[in-house]
Amino acid sequence: MDEENIQKKPKIKGVIEAVDGLSLGISMVVAVAMGVGIGYLIRSITDIDWTFFIGIFIGIAAAILNVYKAYAKQKKSYEELAKEPRYAIKKHLEDDKDPDYSETKHY
């Protein structure tokens, strides 16, 4: 019974990765929608039409910040992955230097 559980790969991992990517898109839409709502609220309070664009700007800035945070999270994840020995190709190539052919032995 334990061997069957070990051999089966978790099916939920793919779903979690897909939801993580989908959540970025949803958070961008929600941020812009909230900015539009804030702009509408400011415009209705002040009766100045151009204040609506302040809210839109806030929403777009929040969406860009969400994208930057997701990028930083992925970059950190890839840097941690690169530290694993099996993916350390660069270090392996640096350790495997070419021999100095100027000091070759002539027979």
PDB file of N, CA and C in Angstrom:
ATOM      1  N   MET A   1       0.818  -1.193   0.000  1.00  0.00           N
ATOM      2  CA  MET A   1       0.000   0.000   0.000  1.00  0.00           C
ATOM      3  C   MET A   1       0.863   1.258   0.000  1.00  0.00           C
ATOM      4  N   ASP A   2       1.947   1.250   0.792  1.00  0.00           N
ATOM      5  CA  ASP A   2       2.825   2.413   0.852  1.00  0.00           C
ATOM      6  C   ASP A   2       3.544   2.628  -0.470  1.00  0.00           C
ATOM      7  N   GLU A   3       3.916   1.546  -1.150  1.00  0.00           N
ATOM      8  CA  GLU A   3       4.608   1.665  -2.431  1.00  0.00           C
ATOM      9  C   GLU A   3       3.725   2.335  -3.482  1.00  0.00           C
ATOM     10  N   GLU A   4       2.442   2.060  -3.461  1.00  0.00           N
ATOM     11  CA  GLU A   4       1.511   2.682  -4.397  1.00  0.00           C
ATOM     12  C   GLU A   4       1.426   4.181  -4.155  1.00  0.00           C
ATOM     13  N   ASN A   5       1.417   4.592  -2.901  1.00  0.00           N
ATOM     14  CA  ASN A   5       1.359   6.022  -2.579  1.00  0.00           C
ATOM     15  C   ASN A   5       2.643   6.738  -2.963  1.00  0.00           C
ATOM     16  N   ILE A   6       3.772   6.056  -2.826  1.00  0.00           N
ATOM     17  CA  ILE A   6       5.052   6.664  -3.165  1.00  0.00           C
ATOM     18  C   ILE A   6       5.184   6.819  -4.679  1.00  0.00           C
ATOM     19  N   GLN A   7       4.740   5.838  -5.441  1.00  0.00           N
ATOM     20  CA  GLN A   7       4.901   5.859  -6.889  1.00  0.00           C
ATOM     21  C   GLN A   7       3.970   6.868  -7.557  1.00  0.00           C
ATOM     22  N   LYS A   8       2.834   7.144  -6.974  1.00  0.00           N
ATOM     23  CA  LYS A   8       1.892   8.084  -7.571  1.00  0.00           C
ATOM     24  C   LYS A   8       2.388   9.514  -7.359  1.00  0.00           C
ATOM     25  N   LYS A   9       2.406  10.267  -8.439  1.00  0.00           N
ATOM     26  CA  LYS A   9       2.788  11.672  -8.335  1.00  0.00           C
ATOM     27  C   LYS A   9       1.558  12.472  -7.915  1.00  0.00           C
ATOM     28  N   PRO A  10       1.766  13.506  -7.122  1.00  0.00           N
ATOM     29  CA  PRO A  10       0.606  14.308  -6.716  1.00  0.00           C
ATOM     30  C   PRO A  10      -0.007  15.027  -7.906  1.00  0.00           C
ATOM     31  N   LYS A  11      -1.301  14.826  -8.104  1.00  0.00           N
ATOM     32  CA  LYS A  11      -2.002  15.449  -9.224  1.00  0.00           C
ATOM     33  C   LYS A  11      -2.295  16.909  -8.948  1.00  0.00           C
ATOM     34  N   ILE A  12      -2.304  17.297  -7.709  1.00  0.00           N
ATOM     35  CA  ILE A  12      -2.688  18.659  -7.337  1.00  0.00           C
ATOM     36  C   ILE A  12      -1.584  19.666  -7.639  1.00  0.00           C
ATOM     37  N   LYS A  13      -0.343  19.207  -7.824  1.00  0.00           N
ATOM     38  CA  LYS A  13       0.775  20.131  -8.051  1.00  0.00           C
ATOM     39  C   LYS A  13       0.553  20.965  -9.314  1.00  0.00           C
ATOM     40  N   GLY A  14       0.114  20.358 -10.382  1.00  0.00           N
ATOM     41  CA  GLY A  14      -0.158  21.090 -11.614  1.00  0.00           C
ATOM     42  C   GLY A  14      -1.279  22.085 -11.448  1.00  0.00           C
ATOM     43  N   VAL A  15      -2.286  21.709 -10.674  1.00  0.00           N
ATOM     44  CA  VAL A  15      -3.417  22.608 -10.426  1.00  0.00           C
ATOM     45  C   VAL A  15      -2.956  23.817  -9.622  1.00  0.00           C
ATOM     46  N   ILE A  16      -2.106  23.596  -8.649  1.00  0.00           N
ATOM     47  CA  ILE A  16      -1.602  24.697  -7.823  1.00  0.00           C
ATOM     48  C   ILE A  16      -0.776  25.659  -8.659  1.00  0.00           C
ATOM     49  N   GLU A  17       0.074  25.139  -9.542  1.00  0.00           N
ATOM     50  CA  GLU A  17       0.873  25.999 -10.411  1.00  0.00           C
ATOM     51  C   GLU A  17      -0.017  26.805 -11.356  1.00  0.00           C
ATOM     52  N   ALA A  18      -1.069  26.186 -11.870  1.00  0.00           N
ATOM     53  CA  ALA A  18      -1.982  26.891 -12.771  1.00  0.00           C
ATOM     54  C   ALA A  18      -2.746  27.988 -12.026  1.00  0.00           C
ATOM     55  N   VAL A  19      -3.182  27.695 -10.823  1.00  0.00           N
ATOM     56  CA  VAL A  19      -3.916  28.678 -10.029  1.00  0.00           C
ATOM     57  C   VAL A  19      -2.999  29.840  -9.653  1.00  0.00           C
ATOM     58  N   ASP A  20      -1.720  29.546  -9.396  1.00  0.00           N
ATOM     59  CA  ASP A  20      -0.775  30.606  -9.070  1.00  0.00           C
ATOM     60  C   ASP A  20      -0.620  31.565 -10.251  1.00  0.00           C
ATOM     61  N   GLY A  21      -0.530  31.038 -11.452  1.00  0.00           N
ATOM     62  CA  GLY A  21      -0.451  31.891 -12.634  1.00  0.00           C
ATOM     63  C   GLY A  21      -1.745  32.639 -12.884  1.00  0.00           C
ATOM     64  N   LEU A  22      -2.860  32.006 -12.634  1.00  0.00           N
ATOM     65  CA  LEU A  22      -4.163  32.643 -12.820  1.00  0.00           C
ATOM     66  C   LEU A  22      -4.393  33.737 -11.789  1.00  0.00           C
ATOM     67  N   SER A  23      -3.879  33.529 -10.596  1.00  0.00           N
ATOM     68  CA  SER A  23      -4.088  34.530  -9.544  1.00  0.00           C
ATOM     69  C   SER A  23      -3.397  35.842  -9.888  1.00  0.00           C
ATOM     70  N   LEU A  24      -2.298  35.791 -10.617  1.00  0.00           N
ATOM     71  CA  LEU A  24      -1.637  37.033 -11.030  1.00  0.00           C
ATOM     72  C   LEU A  24      -2.535  37.828 -11.967  1.00  0.00           C
ATOM     73  N   GLY A  25      -3.151  37.166 -12.917  1.00  0.00           N
ATOM     74  CA  GLY A  25      -4.066  37.851 -13.826  1.00  0.00           C
ATOM     75  C   GLY A  25      -5.272  38.417 -13.118  1.00  0.00           C
ATOM     76  N   ILE A  26      -5.819  37.642 -12.199  1.00  0.00           N
ATOM     77  CA  ILE A  26      -6.979  38.109 -11.444  1.00  0.00           C
ATOM     78  C   ILE A  26      -6.602  39.296 -10.561  1.00  0.00           C
ATOM     79  N   SER A  27      -5.433  39.239  -9.941  1.00  0.00           N
ATOM     80  CA  SER A  27      -5.037  40.340  -9.064  1.00  0.00           C
ATOM     81  C   SER A  27      -4.809  41.621  -9.856  1.00  0.00           C
ATOM     82  N   MET A  28      -4.354  41.504 -11.102  1.00  0.00           N
ATOM     83  CA  MET A  28      -4.186  42.700 -11.933  1.00  0.00           C
ATOM     84  C   MET A  28      -5.542  43.325 -12.250  1.00  0.00           C
ATOM     85  N   VAL A  29      -6.503  42.491 -12.627  1.00  0.00           N
ATOM     86  CA  VAL A  29      -7.845  43.000 -12.947  1.00  0.00           C
ATOM     87  C   VAL A  29      -8.488  43.620 -11.715  1.00  0.00           C
ATOM     88  N   VAL A  30      -8.355  42.972 -10.578  1.00  0.00           N
ATOM     89  CA  VAL A  30      -8.946  43.487  -9.345  1.00  0.00           C
ATOM     90  C   VAL A  30      -8.296  44.809  -8.943  1.00  0.00           C
ATOM     91  N   ALA A  31      -6.975  44.910  -9.108  1.00  0.00           N
ATOM     92  CA  ALA A  31      -6.282  46.152  -8.751  1.00  0.00           C
ATOM     93  C   ALA A  31      -6.766  47.322  -9.606  1.00  0.00           C
ATOM     94  N   VAL A  32      -6.898  47.089 -10.904  1.00  0.00           N
ATOM     95  CA  VAL A  32      -7.377  48.164 -11.784  1.00  0.00           C
ATOM     96  C   VAL A  32      -8.837  48.492 -11.466  1.00  0.00           C
ATOM     97  N   ALA A  33      -9.651  47.481 -11.206  1.00  0.00           N
ATOM     98  CA  ALA A  33     -11.062  47.719 -10.873  1.00  0.00           C
ATOM     99  C   ALA A  33     -11.193  48.506  -9.569  1.00  0.00           C
ATOM    100  N   MET A  34     -10.353  48.185  -8.594  1.00  0.00           N
ATOM    101  CA  MET A  34     -10.387  48.940  -7.340  1.00  0.00           C
ATOM    102  C   MET A  34      -9.930  50.381  -7.574  1.00  0.00           C
ATOM    103  N   GLY A  35      -8.941  50.570  -8.437  1.00  0.00           N
ATOM    104  CA  GLY A  35      -8.501  51.923  -8.771  1.00  0.00           C
ATOM    105  C   GLY A  35      -9.602  52.725  -9.430  1.00  0.00           C
ATOM    106  N   VAL A  36     -10.343  52.096 -10.335  1.00  0.00           N
ATOM    107  CA  VAL A  36     -11.476  52.775 -10.971  1.00  0.00           C
ATOM    108  C   VAL A  36     -12.522  53.133  -9.913  1.00  0.00           C
ATOM    109  N   GLY A  37     -12.762  52.219  -8.982  1.00  0.00           N
ATOM    110  CA  GLY A  37     -13.719  52.497  -7.898  1.00  0.00           C
ATOM    111  C   GLY A  37     -13.257  53.654  -7.021  1.00  0.00           C
ATOM    112  N   ILE A  38     -11.973  53.671  -6.709  1.00  0.00           N
ATOM    113  CA  ILE A  38     -11.433  54.775  -5.905  1.00  0.00           C
ATOM    114  C   ILE A  38     -11.552  56.092  -6.673  1.00  0.00           C
ATOM    115  N   GLY A  39     -11.235  56.048  -7.962  1.00  0.00           N
ATOM    116  CA  GLY A  39     -11.358  57.253  -8.784  1.00  0.00           C
ATOM    117  C   GLY A  39     -12.782  57.744  -8.856  1.00  0.00           C
ATOM    118  N   TYR A  40     -13.723  56.843  -9.010  1.00  0.00           N
ATOM    119  CA  TYR A  40     -15.132  57.225  -9.055  1.00  0.00           C
ATOM    120  C   TYR A  40     -15.568  57.835  -7.723  1.00  0.00           C
ATOM    121  N   LEU A  41     -15.102  57.227  -6.623  1.00  0.00           N
ATOM    122  CA  LEU A  41     -15.443  57.743  -5.296  1.00  0.00           C
ATOM    123  C   LEU A  41     -14.869  59.146  -5.092  1.00  0.00           C
ATOM    124  N   ILE A  42     -13.617  59.347  -5.476  1.00  0.00           N
ATOM    125  CA  ILE A  42     -12.996  60.672  -5.342  1.00  0.00           C
ATOM    126  C   ILE A  42     -13.739  61.692  -6.209  1.00  0.00           C
ATOM    127  N   ARG A  43     -14.086  61.280  -7.430  1.00  0.00           N
ATOM    128  CA  ARG A  43     -14.805  62.197  -8.322  1.00  0.00           C
ATOM    129  C   ARG A  43     -16.178  62.559  -7.763  1.00  0.00           C
ATOM    130  N   SER A  44     -16.871  61.582  -7.181  1.00  0.00           N
ATOM    131  CA  SER A  44     -18.199  61.880  -6.643  1.00  0.00           C
ATOM    132  C   SER A  44     -18.118  62.755  -5.394  1.00  0.00           C
ATOM    133  N   ILE A  45     -17.045  62.662  -4.630  1.00  0.00           N
ATOM    134  CA  ILE A  45     -16.892  63.489  -3.437  1.00  0.00           C
ATOM    135  C   ILE A  45     -16.490  64.916  -3.812  1.00  0.00           C
ATOM    136  N   THR A  46     -15.543  65.047  -4.763  1.00  0.00           N
ATOM    137  CA  THR A  46     -14.995  66.370  -5.075  1.00  0.00           C
ATOM    138  C   THR A  46     -15.695  67.070  -6.232  1.00  0.00           C
ATOM    139  N   ASP A  47     -16.453  66.373  -7.042  1.00  0.00           N
ATOM    140  CA  ASP A  47     -17.098  66.911  -8.246  1.00  0.00           C
ATOM    141  C   ASP A  47     -16.090  67.481  -9.247  1.00  0.00           C
ATOM    142  N   ILE A  48     -14.878  66.937  -9.236  1.00  0.00           N
ATOM    143  CA  ILE A  48     -13.842  67.323 -10.202  1.00  0.00           C
ATOM    144  C   ILE A  48     -13.577  66.096 -11.078  1.00  0.00           C
ATOM    145  N   ASP A  49     -13.792  66.256 -12.376  1.00  0.00           N
ATOM    146  CA  ASP A  49     -13.732  65.101 -13.277  1.00  0.00           C
ATOM    147  C   ASP A  49     -12.351  64.464 -13.382  1.00  0.00           C
ATOM    148  N   TRP A  50     -11.288  65.242 -13.368  1.00  0.00           N
ATOM    149  CA  TRP A  50      -9.961  64.668 -13.592  1.00  0.00           C
ATOM    150  C   TRP A  50      -9.475  63.826 -12.420  1.00  0.00           C
ATOM    151  N   THR A  51     -10.109  63.913 -11.243  1.00  0.00           N
ATOM    152  CA  THR A  51      -9.703  63.089 -10.105  1.00  0.00           C
ATOM    153  C   THR A  51     -10.018  61.613 -10.333  1.00  0.00           C
ATOM    154  N   PHE A  52     -10.893  61.339 -11.287  1.00  0.00           N
ATOM    155  CA  PHE A  52     -11.183  59.945 -11.654  1.00  0.00           C
ATOM    156  C   PHE A  52      -9.914  59.259 -12.155  1.00  0.00           C
ATOM    157  N   PHE A  53      -9.067  60.000 -12.859  1.00  0.00           N
ATOM    158  CA  PHE A  53      -7.841  59.423 -13.408  1.00  0.00           C
ATOM    159  C   PHE A  53      -6.793  59.152 -12.340  1.00  0.00           C
ATOM    160  N   ILE A  54      -6.903  59.822 -11.208  1.00  0.00           N
ATOM    161  CA  ILE A  54      -6.004  59.513 -10.087  1.00  0.00           C
ATOM    162  C   ILE A  54      -6.252  58.079  -9.614  1.00  0.00           C
ATOM    163  N   GLY A  55      -7.513  57.705  -9.490  1.00  0.00           N
ATOM    164  CA  GLY A  55      -7.852  56.339  -9.096  1.00  0.00           C
ATOM    165  C   GLY A  55      -7.399  55.313 -10.114  1.00  0.00           C
ATOM    166  N   ILE A  56      -7.566  55.635 -11.385  1.00  0.00           N
ATOM    167  CA  ILE A  56      -7.107  54.712 -12.426  1.00  0.00           C
ATOM    168  C   ILE A  56      -5.596  54.541 -12.343  1.00  0.00           C
ATOM    169  N   PHE A  57      -4.877  55.643 -12.131  1.00  0.00           N
ATOM    170  CA  PHE A  57      -3.422  55.566 -11.989  1.00  0.00           C
ATOM    171  C   PHE A  57      -3.036  54.707 -10.790  1.00  0.00           C
ATOM    172  N   ILE A  58      -3.738  54.858  -9.671  1.00  0.00           N
ATOM    173  CA  ILE A  58      -3.458  54.046  -8.483  1.00  0.00           C
ATOM    174  C   ILE A  58      -3.677  52.562  -8.787  1.00  0.00           C
ATOM    175  N   GLY A  59      -4.745  52.243  -9.504  1.00  0.00           N
ATOM    176  CA  GLY A  59      -5.030  50.849  -9.856  1.00  0.00           C
ATOM    177  C   GLY A  59      -3.974  50.258 -10.770  1.00  0.00           C
ATOM    178  N   ILE A  60      -3.545  51.018 -11.764  1.00  0.00           N
ATOM    179  CA  ILE A  60      -2.508  50.529 -12.685  1.00  0.00           C
ATOM    180  C   ILE A  60      -1.187  50.349 -11.943  1.00  0.00           C
ATOM    181  N   ALA A  61      -0.872  51.287 -11.052  1.00  0.00           N
ATOM    182  CA  ALA A  61       0.360  51.161 -10.263  1.00  0.00           C
ATOM    183  C   ALA A  61       0.314  49.921  -9.373  1.00  0.00           C
ATOM    184  N   ALA A  62      -0.832  49.635  -8.796  1.00  0.00           N
ATOM    185  CA  ALA A  62      -0.980  48.439  -7.961  1.00  0.00           C
ATOM    186  C   ALA A  62      -0.825  47.170  -8.801  1.00  0.00           C
ATOM    187  N   ALA A  63      -1.360  47.175 -10.018  1.00  0.00           N
ATOM    188  CA  ALA A  63      -1.220  46.008 -10.898  1.00  0.00           C
ATOM    189  C   ALA A  63       0.242  45.792 -11.272  1.00  0.00           C
ATOM    190  N   ILE A  64       0.965  46.864 -11.567  1.00  0.00           N
ATOM    191  CA  ILE A  64       2.396  46.746 -11.892  1.00  0.00           C
ATOM    192  C   ILE A  64       3.172  46.233 -10.685  1.00  0.00           C
ATOM    193  N   LEU A  65       2.808  46.701  -9.501  1.00  0.00           N
ATOM    194  CA  LEU A  65       3.467  46.218  -8.288  1.00  0.00           C
ATOM    195  C   LEU A  65       3.209  44.727  -8.088  1.00  0.00           C
ATOM    196  N   ASN A  66       2.015  44.257  -8.385  1.00  0.00           N
ATOM    197  CA  ASN A  66       1.715  42.827  -8.274  1.00  0.00           C
ATOM    198  C   ASN A  66       2.569  42.015  -9.235  1.00  0.00           C
ATOM    199  N   VAL A  67       2.749  42.504 -10.443  1.00  0.00           N
ATOM    200  CA  VAL A  67       3.585  41.800 -11.422  1.00  0.00           C
ATOM    201  C   VAL A  67       5.027  41.770 -10.939  1.00  0.00           C
ATOM    202  N   TYR A  68       5.515  42.884 -10.405  1.00  0.00           N
ATOM    203  CA  TYR A  68       6.894  42.926  -9.907  1.00  0.00           C
ATOM    204  C   TYR A  68       7.085  41.944  -8.745  1.00  0.00           C
ATOM    205  N   LYS A  69       6.123  41.880  -7.836  1.00  0.00           N
ATOM    206  CA  LYS A  69       6.227  40.943  -6.719  1.00  0.00           C
ATOM    207  C   LYS A  69       6.253  39.499  -7.201  1.00  0.00           C
ATOM    208  N   ALA A  70       5.436  39.178  -8.193  1.00  0.00           N
ATOM    209  CA  ALA A  70       5.426  37.821  -8.747  1.00  0.00           C
ATOM    210  C   ALA A  70       6.756  37.517  -9.424  1.00  0.00           C
ATOM    211  N   TYR A  71       7.310  38.505 -10.136  1.00  0.00           N
ATOM    212  CA  TYR A  71       8.611  38.328 -10.778  1.00  0.00           C
ATOM    213  C   TYR A  71       9.696  38.083  -9.738  1.00  0.00           C
ATOM    214  N   ALA A  72       9.702  38.867  -8.666  1.00  0.00           N
ATOM    215  CA  ALA A  72      10.711  38.710  -7.624  1.00  0.00           C
ATOM    216  C   ALA A  72      10.601  37.336  -6.960  1.00  0.00           C
ATOM    217  N   LYS A  73       9.383  36.868  -6.771  1.00  0.00           N
ATOM    218  CA  LYS A  73       9.165  35.552  -6.167  1.00  0.00           C
ATOM    219  C   LYS A  73       9.701  34.450  -7.074  1.00  0.00           C
ATOM    220  N   GLN A  74       9.426  34.547  -8.371  1.00  0.00           N
ATOM    221  CA  GLN A  74       9.914  33.542  -9.311  1.00  0.00           C
ATOM    222  C   GLN A  74      11.434  33.587  -9.425  1.00  0.00           C
ATOM    223  N   LYS A  75      12.005  34.778  -9.432  1.00  0.00           N
ATOM    224  CA  LYS A  75      13.459  34.909  -9.525  1.00  0.00           C
ATOM    225  C   LYS A  75      14.131  34.275  -8.317  1.00  0.00           C
ATOM    226  N   LYS A  76      13.572  34.500  -7.131  1.00  0.00           N
ATOM    227  CA  LYS A  76      14.123  33.893  -5.921  1.00  0.00           C
ATOM    228  C   LYS A  76      14.020  32.368  -5.991  1.00  0.00           C
ATOM    229  N   SER A  77      12.918  31.882  -6.508  1.00  0.00           N
ATOM    230  CA  SER A  77      12.730  30.446  -6.649  1.00  0.00           C
ATOM    231  C   SER A  77      13.761  29.842  -7.606  1.00  0.00           C
ATOM    232  N   TYR A  78      14.012  30.524  -8.729  1.00  0.00           N
ATOM    233  CA  TYR A  78      14.998  30.024  -9.687  1.00  0.00           C
ATOM    234  C   TYR A  78      16.412  30.111  -9.142  1.00  0.00           C
ATOM    235  N   GLU A  79      16.713  31.124  -8.347  1.00  0.00           N
ATOM    236  CA  GLU A  79      18.042  31.226  -7.745  1.00  0.00           C
ATOM    237  C   GLU A  79      18.275  30.096  -6.750  1.00  0.00           C
ATOM    238  N   GLU A  80      17.248  29.750  -5.984  1.00  0.00           N
ATOM    239  CA  GLU A  80      17.370  28.622  -5.060  1.00  0.00           C
ATOM    240  C   GLU A  80      17.540  27.316  -5.826  1.00  0.00           C
ATOM    241  N   LEU A  81      16.858  27.193  -6.942  1.00  0.00           N
ATOM    242  CA  LEU A  81      16.981  25.995  -7.764  1.00  0.00           C
ATOM    243  C   LEU A  81      18.380  25.894  -8.365  1.00  0.00           C
ATOM    244  N   ALA A  82      18.964  27.018  -8.728  1.00  0.00           N
ATOM    245  CA  ALA A  82      20.293  27.021  -9.321  1.00  0.00           C
ATOM    246  C   ALA A  82      21.361  26.621  -8.313  1.00  0.00           C
ATOM    247  N   LYS A  83      21.082  26.753  -7.032  1.00  0.00           N
ATOM    248  CA  LYS A  83      22.052  26.384  -6.006  1.00  0.00           C
ATOM    249  C   LYS A  83      22.140  24.876  -5.805  1.00  0.00           C
ATOM    250  N   GLU A  84      21.165  24.139  -6.302  1.00  0.00           N
ATOM    251  CA  GLU A  84      21.201  22.687  -6.153  1.00  0.00           C
ATOM    252  C   GLU A  84      22.356  22.126  -6.976  1.00  0.00           C
ATOM    253  N   PRO A  85      23.033  21.129  -6.455  1.00  0.00           N
ATOM    254  CA  PRO A  85      24.223  20.612  -7.138  1.00  0.00           C
ATOM    255  C   PRO A  85      23.958  20.073  -8.548  1.00  0.00           C
ATOM    256  N   ARG A  86      22.824  19.498  -8.769  1.00  0.00           N
ATOM    257  CA  ARG A  86      22.580  18.915 -10.086  1.00  0.00           C
ATOM    258  C   ARG A  86      22.332  19.968 -11.160  1.00  0.00           C
ATOM    259  N   TYR A  87      22.042  21.205 -10.759  1.00  0.00           N
ATOM    260  CA  TYR A  87      21.837  22.277 -11.718  1.00  0.00           C
ATOM    261  C   TYR A  87      22.996  23.264 -11.750  1.00  0.00           C
ATOM    262  N   ALA A  88      24.055  22.990 -11.035  1.00  0.00           N
ATOM    263  CA  ALA A  88      25.198  23.903 -10.945  1.00  0.00           C
ATOM    264  C   ALA A  88      26.144  23.686 -12.125  1.00  0.00           C
ATOM    265  N   ILE A  89      25.682  23.932 -13.329  1.00  0.00           N
ATOM    266  CA  ILE A  89      26.490  23.726 -14.532  1.00  0.00           C
ATOM    267  C   ILE A  89      27.598  24.763 -14.613  1.00  0.00           C
ATOM    268  N   LYS A  90      27.303  25.987 -14.274  1.00  0.00           N
ATOM    269  CA  LYS A  90      28.292  27.053 -14.377  1.00  0.00           C
ATOM    270  C   LYS A  90      29.497  26.756 -13.496  1.00  0.00           C
ATOM    271  N   LYS A  91      29.251  26.322 -12.275  1.00  0.00           N
ATOM    272  CA  LYS A  91      30.347  25.998 -11.372  1.00  0.00           C
ATOM    273  C   LYS A  91      31.147  24.822 -11.911  1.00  0.00           C
ATOM    274  N   HIS A  92      30.454  23.851 -12.459  1.00  0.00           N
ATOM    275  CA  HIS A  92      31.139  22.688 -13.020  1.00  0.00           C
ATOM    276  C   HIS A  92      32.036  23.101 -14.180  1.00  0.00           C
ATOM    277  N   LEU A  93      31.577  23.998 -15.017  1.00  0.00           N
ATOM    278  CA  LEU A  93      32.379  24.455 -16.150  1.00  0.00           C
ATOM    279  C   LEU A  93      33.572  25.282 -15.691  1.00  0.00           C
ATOM    280  N   GLU A  94      33.415  26.043 -14.619  1.00  0.00           N
ATOM    281  CA  GLU A  94      34.528  26.824 -14.105  1.00  0.00           C
ATOM    282  C   GLU A  94      35.587  25.919 -13.482  1.00  0.00           C
ATOM    283  N   ASP A  95      35.171  24.830 -12.846  1.00  0.00           N
ATOM    284  CA  ASP A  95      36.117  23.901 -12.244  1.00  0.00           C
ATOM    285  C   ASP A  95      36.863  23.091 -13.297  1.00  0.00           C
ATOM    286  N   ASP A  96      36.272  22.909 -14.448  1.00  0.00           N
ATOM    287  CA  ASP A  96      36.841  22.098 -15.512  1.00  0.00           C
ATOM    288  C   ASP A  96      37.613  22.997 -16.484  1.00  0.00           C
ATOM    289  N   LYS A  97      38.707  23.576 -15.999  1.00  0.00           N
ATOM    290  CA  LYS A  97      39.492  24.506 -16.809  1.00  0.00           C
ATOM    291  C   LYS A  97      40.345  23.750 -17.817  1.00  0.00           C
ATOM    292  N   ASP A  98      40.639  24.438 -18.892  1.00  0.00           N
ATOM    293  CA  ASP A  98      41.523  23.852 -19.897  1.00  0.00           C
ATOM    294  C   ASP A  98      42.947  23.800 -19.354  1.00  0.00           C
ATOM    295  N   PRO A  99      43.673  22.748 -19.678  1.00  0.00           N
ATOM    296  CA  PRO A  99      45.062  22.678 -19.214  1.00  0.00           C
ATOM    297  C   PRO A  99      45.916  23.714 -19.942  1.00  0.00           C
ATOM    298  N   ASP A 100      46.987  24.087 -19.315  1.00  0.00           N
ATOM    299  CA  ASP A 100      47.892  25.068 -19.900  1.00  0.00           C
ATOM    300  C   ASP A 100      48.791  24.327 -20.897  1.00  0.00           C
ATOM    301  N   TYR A 101      48.597  24.574 -22.180  1.00  0.00           N
ATOM    302  CA  TYR A 101      49.314  23.866 -23.219  1.00  0.00           C
ATOM    303  C   TYR A 101      50.707  24.439 -23.454  1.00  0.00           C
ATOM    304  N   SER A 102      51.040  25.533 -22.843  1.00  0.00           N
ATOM    305  CA  SER A 102      52.364  26.117 -23.045  1.00  0.00           C
ATOM    306  C   SER A 102      53.439  25.300 -22.327  1.00  0.00           C
ATOM    307  N   GLU A 103      53.032  24.526 -21.337  1.00  0.00           N
ATOM    308  CA  GLU A 103      53.997  23.718 -20.587  1.00  0.00           C
ATOM    309  C   GLU A 103      53.863  22.245 -20.955  1.00  0.00           C
ATOM    310  N   THR A 104      53.618  21.941 -22.189  1.00  0.00           N
ATOM    311  CA  THR A 104      53.473  20.552 -22.595  1.00  0.00           C
ATOM    312  C   THR A 104      54.833  19.885 -22.668  1.00  0.00           C
ATOM    313  N   LYS A 105      54.838  18.624 -22.446  1.00  0.00           N
ATOM    314  CA  LYS A 105      56.076  17.855 -22.507  1.00  0.00           C
ATOM    315  C   LYS A 105      56.281  17.382 -23.937  1.00  0.00           C
ATOM    316  N   HIS A 106      57.485  17.541 -24.407  1.00  0.00           N
ATOM    317  CA  HIS A 106      57.830  17.067 -25.743  1.00  0.00           C
ATOM    318  C   HIS A 106      58.677  15.812 -25.593  1.00  0.00           C
ATOM    319  N   TYR A 107      58.266  14.759 -26.220  1.00  0.00           N
ATOM    320  CA  TYR A 107      58.987  13.480 -26.116  1.00  0.00           C
ATOM    321  C   TYR A 107      59.876  13.267 -27.276  1.00  0.00           C
TER     322      TYR A 107
END
